[in-house]
N, C-alpha and C. Protein backbone atom coordinates (compact mmCIF):
# COMPACT_ATOMS: atom_id res chain seq x y z
N MET A 1 1.04 15.81 -18.03
CA MET A 1 1.02 14.91 -16.84
C MET A 1 -0.17 14.14 -17.47
N SER A 2 -0.93 13.67 -17.92
CA SER A 2 -2.50 12.74 -17.99
C SER A 2 -2.89 12.38 -16.78
N GLU A 3 -4.46 12.85 -17.16
CA GLU A 3 -4.61 12.59 -16.23
C GLU A 3 -4.65 10.95 -14.93
N LYS A 4 -4.10 9.90 -15.54
CA LYS A 4 -3.82 8.38 -14.57
C LYS A 4 -2.45 8.79 -13.20
N GLU A 5 -1.95 9.76 -14.29
CA GLU A 5 -0.47 10.09 -13.81
C GLU A 5 -0.44 10.82 -12.57
N LYS A 6 -1.64 11.84 -12.69
CA LYS A 6 -2.30 12.67 -11.93
C LYS A 6 -3.06 12.04 -9.90
N THR A 7 -4.36 10.90 -10.87
CA THR A 7 -4.05 10.50 -9.96
C THR A 7 -3.45 9.32 -8.96
N ARG A 8 -2.37 8.76 -10.07
CA ARG A 8 -1.60 8.14 -8.63
C ARG A 8 -0.90 9.51 -8.19
N LYS A 9 -0.15 10.04 -8.54
CA LYS A 9 0.35 10.66 -7.64
C LYS A 9 -0.49 11.17 -6.95
N GLU A 10 -1.50 11.92 -6.91
CA GLU A 10 -2.69 11.63 -5.48
C GLU A 10 -2.83 10.78 -4.76
N LEU A 11 -2.92 9.81 -4.76
CA LEU A 11 -2.51 9.12 -4.03
C LEU A 11 -1.23 8.78 -3.58
N LEU A 12 0.07 8.55 -3.96
CA LEU A 12 0.84 7.95 -3.52
C LEU A 12 1.39 9.19 -1.91
N ASN A 13 0.92 10.31 -2.81
CA ASN A 13 1.27 11.69 -1.57
C ASN A 13 0.22 10.58 -0.64
N ARG A 14 -1.00 10.92 -0.96
CA ARG A 14 -1.69 10.70 0.35
C ARG A 14 -1.62 9.69 1.03
N LEU A 15 -0.56 8.84 0.47
CA LEU A 15 -0.37 7.55 1.19
C LEU A 15 0.32 7.46 1.96
N ASN A 16 1.60 8.39 2.08
CA ASN A 16 2.72 9.18 2.49
C ASN A 16 2.48 9.54 3.28
N ARG A 17 1.12 10.94 3.93
CA ARG A 17 0.70 11.38 5.21
C ARG A 17 0.20 9.92 5.96
N VAL A 18 -0.68 9.97 5.28
CA VAL A 18 -1.30 8.40 5.77
C VAL A 18 -0.32 7.84 6.93
N GLU A 19 1.09 7.08 6.15
CA GLU A 19 1.71 6.40 6.68
C GLU A 19 2.88 7.67 7.53
N GLY A 20 3.11 8.69 7.39
CA GLY A 20 3.53 10.06 8.73
C GLY A 20 2.39 9.20 9.65
N GLN A 21 0.87 9.83 9.29
CA GLN A 21 0.52 9.50 10.74
C GLN A 21 0.70 8.13 11.23
N ILE A 22 0.86 6.93 11.40
CA ILE A 22 0.64 5.97 11.11
C ILE A 22 1.79 5.90 12.24
N ARG A 23 3.11 6.36 11.71
CA ARG A 23 4.16 6.57 12.57
C ARG A 23 3.53 7.67 13.71
N GLY A 24 3.58 8.59 13.19
CA GLY A 24 3.37 9.44 14.50
C GLY A 24 2.61 9.33 15.67
N ILE A 25 1.04 7.80 15.03
CA ILE A 25 0.90 7.94 16.57
C ILE A 25 1.44 6.61 17.26
N LYS A 26 2.29 6.39 16.30
CA LYS A 26 3.59 5.37 17.73
C LYS A 26 4.19 5.34 17.95
N ASN A 27 4.72 6.58 17.69
CA ASN A 27 5.54 7.82 18.66
C ASN A 27 4.82 7.90 19.86
N MET A 28 3.78 8.50 19.87
CA MET A 28 3.16 8.76 20.55
C MET A 28 2.24 8.10 21.54
N ILE A 29 2.34 6.82 21.16
CA ILE A 29 1.87 5.45 22.53
C ILE A 29 2.98 4.91 22.50
N GLU A 30 4.65 5.54 22.04
CA GLU A 30 5.15 5.14 23.14
C GLU A 30 5.52 6.11 23.78
N GLU A 31 5.60 7.69 23.80
CA GLU A 31 5.94 8.84 24.31
C GLU A 31 4.57 8.77 25.56
N GLU A 32 3.38 7.58 25.61
CA GLU A 32 2.89 7.85 26.24
C GLU A 32 1.64 9.06 26.58
N LYS A 33 1.29 9.26 25.18
CA LYS A 33 0.39 10.84 25.20
C LYS A 33 -0.03 10.98 25.88
N TYR A 34 -0.91 11.69 25.99
CA TYR A 34 -2.25 11.68 25.79
C TYR A 34 -3.76 10.28 25.16
N CYS A 35 -4.96 9.97 25.83
CA CYS A 35 -4.90 8.19 24.99
C CYS A 35 -6.23 9.40 23.53
N LEU A 36 -6.73 10.53 24.80
CA LEU A 36 -7.68 10.90 23.55
C LEU A 36 -6.77 11.72 22.96
N ASP A 37 -5.93 12.03 22.52
CA ASP A 37 -4.73 11.97 20.99
C ASP A 37 -4.90 11.47 20.11
N ILE A 38 -4.37 10.42 21.13
CA ILE A 38 -4.01 9.70 20.36
C ILE A 38 -5.09 9.07 19.04
N LEU A 39 -6.12 8.86 19.75
CA LEU A 39 -7.37 8.58 19.67
C LEU A 39 -7.81 9.53 18.19
N HIS A 40 -7.50 10.94 18.74
CA HIS A 40 -8.03 12.08 17.29
C HIS A 40 -6.86 12.18 15.91
N GLN A 41 -6.11 10.80 16.87
CA GLN A 41 -4.38 11.19 15.45
C GLN A 41 -4.66 9.99 14.63
N ILE A 42 -5.62 8.56 15.35
CA ILE A 42 -6.59 7.76 14.69
C ILE A 42 -6.87 7.67 13.60
N TRP A 43 -8.33 9.23 13.84
CA TRP A 43 -9.45 8.94 13.48
C TRP A 43 -9.40 10.05 12.80
N ALA A 44 -7.81 10.91 12.54
CA ALA A 44 -7.57 11.45 11.30
C ALA A 44 -6.69 10.19 10.44
N ALA A 45 -6.32 9.91 10.33
CA ALA A 45 -5.16 9.42 10.52
C ALA A 45 -6.49 8.13 9.07
N ARG A 46 -7.48 6.87 9.45
CA ARG A 46 -8.50 6.65 9.27
C ARG A 46 -9.60 7.65 8.03
N SER A 47 -9.20 8.65 8.17
CA SER A 47 -10.54 9.08 7.00
C SER A 47 -9.62 9.41 6.07
N ALA A 48 -8.59 9.93 6.80
CA ALA A 48 -7.37 9.72 5.10
C ALA A 48 -7.54 9.02 4.47
N LEU A 49 -7.04 7.67 4.95
CA LEU A 49 -7.20 6.47 4.38
C LEU A 49 -8.91 6.78 3.47
N SER A 50 -9.39 6.30 4.25
CA SER A 50 -10.96 6.31 3.64
C SER A 50 -10.88 7.57 2.39
N LYS A 51 -10.42 8.43 2.68
CA LYS A 51 -10.37 9.33 1.31
C LYS A 51 -9.95 8.75 0.34
N THR A 52 -8.36 8.26 0.86
CA THR A 52 -7.35 7.50 -0.41
C THR A 52 -8.87 6.16 -1.42
N GLY A 53 -9.75 5.59 -0.06
CA GLY A 53 -9.64 4.83 -0.75
C GLY A 53 -11.27 5.29 -1.97
N GLU A 54 -11.84 6.58 -1.86
CA GLU A 54 -12.91 6.96 -2.20
C GLU A 54 -12.38 7.49 -3.31
N ILE A 55 -11.29 8.13 -3.91
CA ILE A 55 -10.55 8.42 -4.41
C ILE A 55 -9.86 6.95 -5.80
N LEU A 56 -9.35 6.50 -4.74
CA LEU A 56 -9.27 5.07 -6.21
C LEU A 56 -10.42 4.03 -6.75
N MET A 57 -11.82 4.82 -6.30
CA MET A 57 -12.85 4.13 -6.14
C MET A 57 -12.80 4.65 -7.36
N GLU A 58 -13.71 5.96 -7.02
CA GLU A 58 -14.08 6.45 -9.02
C GLU A 58 -13.10 6.36 -9.74
N ASN A 59 -11.72 7.01 -9.81
CA ASN A 59 -10.97 6.48 -10.03
C ASN A 59 -11.42 5.47 -11.49
N TYR A 60 -11.57 3.98 -10.36
CA TYR A 60 -12.20 2.67 -11.24
C TYR A 60 -13.13 2.66 -12.48
N ILE A 61 -14.02 3.55 -11.88
CA ILE A 61 -15.28 3.49 -12.09
C ILE A 61 -14.99 4.87 -13.85
N ARG A 62 -14.27 5.67 -13.58
CA ARG A 62 -14.64 6.66 -14.50
C ARG A 62 -13.65 5.84 -15.48
N THR A 63 -12.22 5.07 -14.99
CA THR A 63 -11.14 4.20 -15.51
C THR A 63 -11.90 3.05 -15.88
N CYS A 64 -11.27 2.27 -15.10
CA CYS A 64 -11.20 0.89 -15.63
C CYS A 64 -13.11 0.38 -15.84
N LEU A 65 -13.90 0.65 -15.57
CA LEU A 65 -15.42 0.06 -15.40
C LEU A 65 -15.38 0.20 -17.28
N LYS A 66 -15.07 1.74 -17.48
CA LYS A 66 -15.95 2.65 -18.33
C LYS A 66 -14.97 1.55 -19.83
N ASP A 67 -13.69 1.22 -19.49
CA ASP A 67 -12.99 0.93 -20.49
C ASP A 67 -13.49 -1.04 -20.50
N ALA A 68 -13.53 -1.34 -19.38
CA ALA A 68 -14.46 -2.36 -19.78
C ALA A 68 -15.83 -2.24 -20.18
N SER A 69 -16.32 -2.17 -19.73
CA SER A 69 -17.33 -2.12 -20.90
C SER A 69 -17.46 -1.84 -22.26
N GLU A 70 -17.36 -0.94 -22.07
CA GLU A 70 -16.04 -0.86 -23.98
C GLU A 70 -15.59 -2.69 -24.40
N ASP A 71 -15.20 -2.46 -23.30
CA ASP A 71 -14.99 -3.83 -24.50
C ASP A 71 -15.42 -5.62 -24.41
N ASN A 72 -16.55 -5.37 -23.88
CA ASN A 72 -17.51 -5.73 -23.36
C ASN A 72 -17.11 -7.57 -22.06
N GLN A 73 -17.11 -5.87 -21.30
CA GLN A 73 -15.96 -7.06 -19.58
C GLN A 73 -16.72 -6.64 -19.01
N GLY A 74 -17.83 -5.64 -18.64
CA GLY A 74 -18.86 -4.92 -18.37
C GLY A 74 -18.97 -5.58 -16.96
N ASN A 75 -19.93 -6.63 -17.39
CA ASN A 75 -21.05 -7.35 -15.71
C ASN A 75 -20.12 -7.83 -14.82
N GLN A 76 -18.48 -7.97 -15.29
CA GLN A 76 -17.08 -8.57 -14.86
C GLN A 76 -16.93 -7.99 -13.73
N ALA A 77 -16.41 -6.25 -14.72
CA ALA A 77 -16.13 -5.56 -13.69
C ALA A 77 -17.16 -4.84 -12.85
N VAL A 78 -18.27 -5.26 -13.51
CA VAL A 78 -19.34 -4.51 -12.22
C VAL A 78 -19.62 -5.13 -11.29
N GLU A 79 -19.50 -6.76 -11.57
CA GLU A 79 -18.66 -7.70 -9.95
C GLU A 79 -17.95 -8.02 -9.45
N GLU A 80 -17.40 -7.41 -9.72
CA GLU A 80 -15.84 -6.63 -8.67
C GLU A 80 -16.65 -5.28 -7.52
N LEU A 81 -16.90 -4.70 -8.67
CA LEU A 81 -17.09 -2.77 -8.43
C LEU A 81 -18.20 -3.27 -6.53
N ILE A 82 -19.30 -4.12 -7.35
CA ILE A 82 -20.39 -5.14 -5.93
C ILE A 82 -19.52 -5.94 -4.83
N LYS A 83 -18.49 -6.34 -5.57
CA LYS A 83 -17.49 -7.19 -4.49
C LYS A 83 -17.08 -6.16 -3.94
N ALA A 84 -16.06 -5.36 -3.77
CA ALA A 84 -14.95 -3.79 -3.22
C ALA A 84 -15.84 -4.02 -2.75
N ILE A 85 -17.38 -3.33 -2.81
CA ILE A 85 -17.98 -1.97 -1.79
C ILE A 85 -18.01 -3.26 -0.58
N LYS A 86 -19.73 -4.26 -1.22
CA LYS A 86 -19.74 -5.12 0.15
C LYS A 86 -18.07 -4.86 0.54
N ALA A 87 -17.13 -5.17 0.44
CA ALA A 87 -15.93 -5.84 1.35
C ALA A 87 -15.55 -3.98 2.23
N LEU A 88 -15.55 -3.39 1.06
CA LEU A 88 -16.18 -1.94 2.12
C LEU A 88 -17.64 -2.07 3.27
N LEU A 89 -17.65 -2.07 2.77
CA LEU A 89 -19.26 -2.02 3.78
C LEU A 89 -19.18 -3.02 5.00
N ASN A 90 -18.13 -3.54 4.66
CA ASN A 90 -18.57 -4.99 6.52
C ASN A 90 -17.29 -5.11 6.85
C-alpha cells in the first residue's frame, strides 16, 4: 500500500470516528444528558477533527507543495497554503 493510500485510509477512518462522535452528541442532546458530558464529547470531536486537519495539512506540505515546487508552481502552492492557514486561525 502506498503512502498516499495509507494517508487516505487514515483520514477516512478518523472522519468516520468523528461522524460517530457527532451522532453520539446528537443522541446525548436528544436524551437530555448532563450538559458537561455533552460538552466533553464536543471537545473530543473538535480535537479529533483538528487532528484530521493536521494530518491533511502535513500531507499537503509533504506531497502537493513539494510537487508544485518541483513543477515551478511553488509560489501559487505557498499562497494557497498561507490562505488555508489564515482561514484555520480565524
